[in-house]
C-alpha atoms as a PDB file:
ATOM      1  CA  MET A   1       6.388  10.461   0.772  1.00  0.00           C
ATOM      2  CA  LYS A   2       4.644  10.950  -2.555  1.00  0.00           C
ATOM      3  CA  VAL A   3       1.691   8.610  -2.991  1.00  0.00           C
ATOM      4  CA  ASN A   4      -0.041   8.228  -6.366  1.00  0.00           C
ATOM      5  CA  THR A   5      -3.550   6.861  -5.888  1.00  0.00           C
ATOM      6  CA  GLN A   6      -5.445   5.505  -8.889  1.00  0.00           C
ATOM      7  CA  ALA A   7      -9.049   4.352  -8.632  1.00  0.00           C
ATOM      8  CA  VAL A   8      -9.979   2.090 -11.537  1.00  0.00           C
ATOM      9  CA  ASN A   9     -13.572   2.467 -12.848  1.00  0.00           C
ATOM     10  CA  PHE A  10     -14.777   4.635  -9.928  1.00  0.00           C
ATOM     11  CA  ASP A  11     -14.001   7.930  -8.159  1.00  0.00           C
ATOM     12  CA  ALA A  12     -12.193   7.610  -4.831  1.00  0.00           C
ATOM     13  CA  ASP A  13     -13.454   9.728  -1.938  1.00  0.00           C
ATOM     14  CA  VAL A  14     -11.160  12.438  -0.530  1.00  0.00           C
ATOM     15  CA  LYS A  15     -11.361  10.762   2.907  1.00  0.00           C
ATOM     16  CA  LEU A  16     -10.090   7.498   1.411  1.00  0.00           C
ATOM     17  CA  ILE A  17      -7.201   9.237  -0.364  1.00  0.00           C
ATOM     18  CA  ASN A  18      -6.231  11.066   2.856  1.00  0.00           C
ATOM     19  CA  PHE A  19      -6.427   7.775   4.801  1.00  0.00           C
ATOM     20  CA  ILE A  20      -4.109   6.106   2.281  1.00  0.00           C
ATOM     21  CA  GLN A  21      -1.638   9.017   2.446  1.00  0.00           C
ATOM     22  CA  LYS A  22      -1.498   8.886   6.273  1.00  0.00           C
ATOM     23  CA  ARG A  23      -1.077   5.110   6.315  1.00  0.00           C
ATOM     24  CA  MET A  24       1.708   5.210   3.725  1.00  0.00           C
ATOM     25  CA  ASP A  25       3.497   8.021   5.600  1.00  0.00           C
ATOM     26  CA  LYS A  26       3.732   5.715   8.635  1.00  0.00           C
ATOM     27  CA  LEU A  27       5.899   3.312   6.598  1.00  0.00           C
ATOM     28  CA  GLU A  28       8.727   5.876   6.638  1.00  0.00           C
ATOM     29  CA  GLN A  29       9.202   5.100  10.342  1.00  0.00           C
ATOM     30  CA  PHE A  30      10.450   1.649   9.369  1.00  0.00           C
ATOM     31  CA  TYR A  31      12.568   2.571   6.339  1.00  0.00           C
ATOM     32  CA  SER A  32      13.564   6.150   5.542  1.00  0.00           C
ATOM     33  CA  LYS A  33      14.736   5.615   1.944  1.00  0.00           C
ATOM     34  CA  ILE A  34      11.284   5.078   0.386  1.00  0.00           C
ATOM     35  CA  ILE A  35      11.033   7.055  -2.863  1.00  0.00           C
ATOM     36  CA  ASN A  36       7.284   6.914  -3.546  1.00  0.00           C
ATOM     37  CA  ALA A  37       4.276   4.605  -3.705  1.00  0.00           C
ATOM     38  CA  ASP A  38       1.637   3.750  -6.296  1.00  0.00           C
ATOM     39  CA  VAL A  39      -1.751   2.630  -4.948  1.00  0.00           C
ATOM     40  CA  TYR A  40      -4.289   1.004  -7.272  1.00  0.00           C
ATOM     41  CA  LEU A  41      -7.885   0.605  -6.067  1.00  0.00           C
ATOM     42  CA  LYS A  42     -10.201  -1.720  -7.992  1.00  0.00           C
ATOM     43  CA  VAL A  43     -13.717  -3.068  -7.501  1.00  0.00           C
ATOM     44  CA  GLN A  44     -14.255  -6.598  -8.744  1.00  0.00           C
ATOM     45  CA  LYS A  45     -17.665  -7.358 -10.254  1.00  0.00           C
ATOM     46  CA  THR A  46     -18.631 -10.401  -8.176  1.00  0.00           C
ATOM     47  CA  SER A  47     -21.426 -11.261  -5.771  1.00  0.00           C
ATOM     48  CA  ALA A  48     -18.910 -11.930  -2.970  1.00  0.00           C
ATOM     49  CA  PRO A  49     -18.700  -9.235  -0.263  1.00  0.00           C
ATOM     50  CA  GLU A  50     -14.896  -9.231  -0.515  1.00  0.00           C
ATOM     51  CA  ASN A  51     -14.721  -7.467  -3.890  1.00  0.00           C
ATOM     52  CA  LYS A  52     -12.351  -4.555  -3.148  1.00  0.00           C
ATOM     53  CA  ILE A  53      -8.813  -5.030  -4.458  1.00  0.00           C
ATOM     54  CA  THR A  54      -5.899  -2.858  -3.359  1.00  0.00           C
ATOM     55  CA  GLU A  55      -2.461  -3.137  -4.909  1.00  0.00           C
ATOM     56  CA  ILE A  56       0.441  -1.092  -3.529  1.00  0.00           C
ATOM     57  CA  ARG A  57       3.789  -0.763  -5.271  1.00  0.00           C
ATOM     58  CA  LEU A  58       6.488   0.735  -3.065  1.00  0.00           C
ATOM     59  CA  PHE A  59       9.575   2.151  -4.753  1.00  0.00           C
ATOM     60  CA  VAL A  60      12.766   1.749  -2.713  1.00  0.00           C
ATOM     61  CA  PRO A  61      16.386   1.914  -3.889  1.00  0.00           C
ATOM     62  CA  GLY A  62      17.400  -1.429  -5.357  1.00  0.00           C
ATOM     63  CA  ASP A  63      14.010  -2.925  -6.147  1.00  0.00           C
ATOM     64  CA  ASP A  64      10.266  -2.438  -5.762  1.00  0.00           C
ATOM     65  CA  MET A  65       7.873  -4.094  -3.324  1.00  0.00           C
ATOM     66  CA  VAL A  66       4.392  -5.078  -4.511  1.00  0.00           C
ATOM     67  CA  VAL A  67       1.539  -6.159  -2.235  1.00  0.00           C
ATOM     68  CA  LYS A  68      -1.987  -7.060  -3.353  1.00  0.00           C
ATOM     69  CA  LYS A  69      -4.947  -7.744  -1.043  1.00  0.00           C
ATOM     70  CA  THR A  70      -8.689  -8.371  -1.481  1.00  0.00           C
ATOM     71  CA  CYS A  71     -11.083  -7.333   1.328  1.00  0.00           C
ATOM     72  CA  LYS A  72     -14.560  -6.005   2.107  1.00  0.00           C
ATOM     73  CA  THR A  73     -13.417  -2.358   2.411  1.00  0.00           C
ATOM     74  CA  PHE A  74     -10.578  -0.361   0.927  1.00  0.00           C
ATOM     75  CA  GLU A  75      -9.519   0.808   4.390  1.00  0.00           C
ATOM     76  CA  GLN A  76      -9.079  -2.796   5.537  1.00  0.00           C
ATOM     77  CA  CYS A  77      -7.144  -3.592   2.342  1.00  0.00           C
ATOM     78  CA  VAL A  78      -4.817  -0.626   2.811  1.00  0.00           C
ATOM     79  CA  ASP A  79      -4.184  -1.607   6.453  1.00  0.00           C
ATOM     80  CA  GLU A  80      -3.351  -5.199   5.503  1.00  0.00           C
ATOM     81  CA  CYS A  81      -1.099  -4.081   2.640  1.00  0.00           C
ATOM     82  CA  ALA A  82       0.692  -1.588   4.873  1.00  0.00           C
ATOM     83  CA  ALA A  83       1.213  -4.249   7.574  1.00  0.00           C
ATOM     84  CA  SER A  84       2.716  -6.575   4.988  1.00  0.00           C
ATOM     85  CA  LEU A  85       4.973  -3.801   3.680  1.00  0.00           C
ATOM     86  CA  GLU A  86       6.066  -2.998   7.252  1.00  0.00           C
ATOM     87  CA  ARG A  87       7.271  -6.589   7.689  1.00  0.00           C
ATOM     88  CA  GLN A  88       9.106  -6.490   4.358  1.00  0.00           C
ATOM     89  CA  LEU A  89      10.748  -3.141   5.167  1.00  0.00           C
ATOM     90  CA  LYS A  90      11.860  -4.330   8.621  1.00  0.00           C
ATOM     91  CA  LYS A  91      13.352  -7.478   7.087  1.00  0.00           C
ATOM     92  CA  ARG A  92      15.131  -5.411   4.419  1.00  0.00           C
ATOM     93  CA  LYS A  93      16.533  -3.025   7.030  1.00  0.00           C
ATOM     94  CA  GLU A  94      17.826  -5.930   9.124  1.00  0.00           C
ATOM     95  CA  LYS A  95      19.546  -7.448   6.084  1.00  0.00           C
ATOM     96  CA  LEU A  96      21.232  -4.139   5.248  1.00  0.00           C
ATOM     97  CA  ALA A  97      22.370  -3.697   8.864  1.00  0.00           C
ATOM     98  CA  ALA A  98      23.828  -7.230   8.877  1.00  0.00           C
ATOM     99  CA  HIS A  99      26.166  -6.457   5.971  1.00  0.00           C
END
């Protein structure tokens, strides 16, 4: 799957980009018709430790899925977003199988 990663106001590390690519590739196990994904990484300027924002937009035939999470690390955000997308993809697949 093609994953476009955009880091807003900072440069993302190669390790982080590779981690995101691997995690997004796992979503194809749940739904094979994923076209591509856009991942936006942002750092919020606050004193709170949970200042990393990750927004993932998944393009699938029919409509898009958008998930946004705020955490202490980008890795944790990506994991939580991917888990949420997994649930949505499973639900979508079940609906399609029911018809």
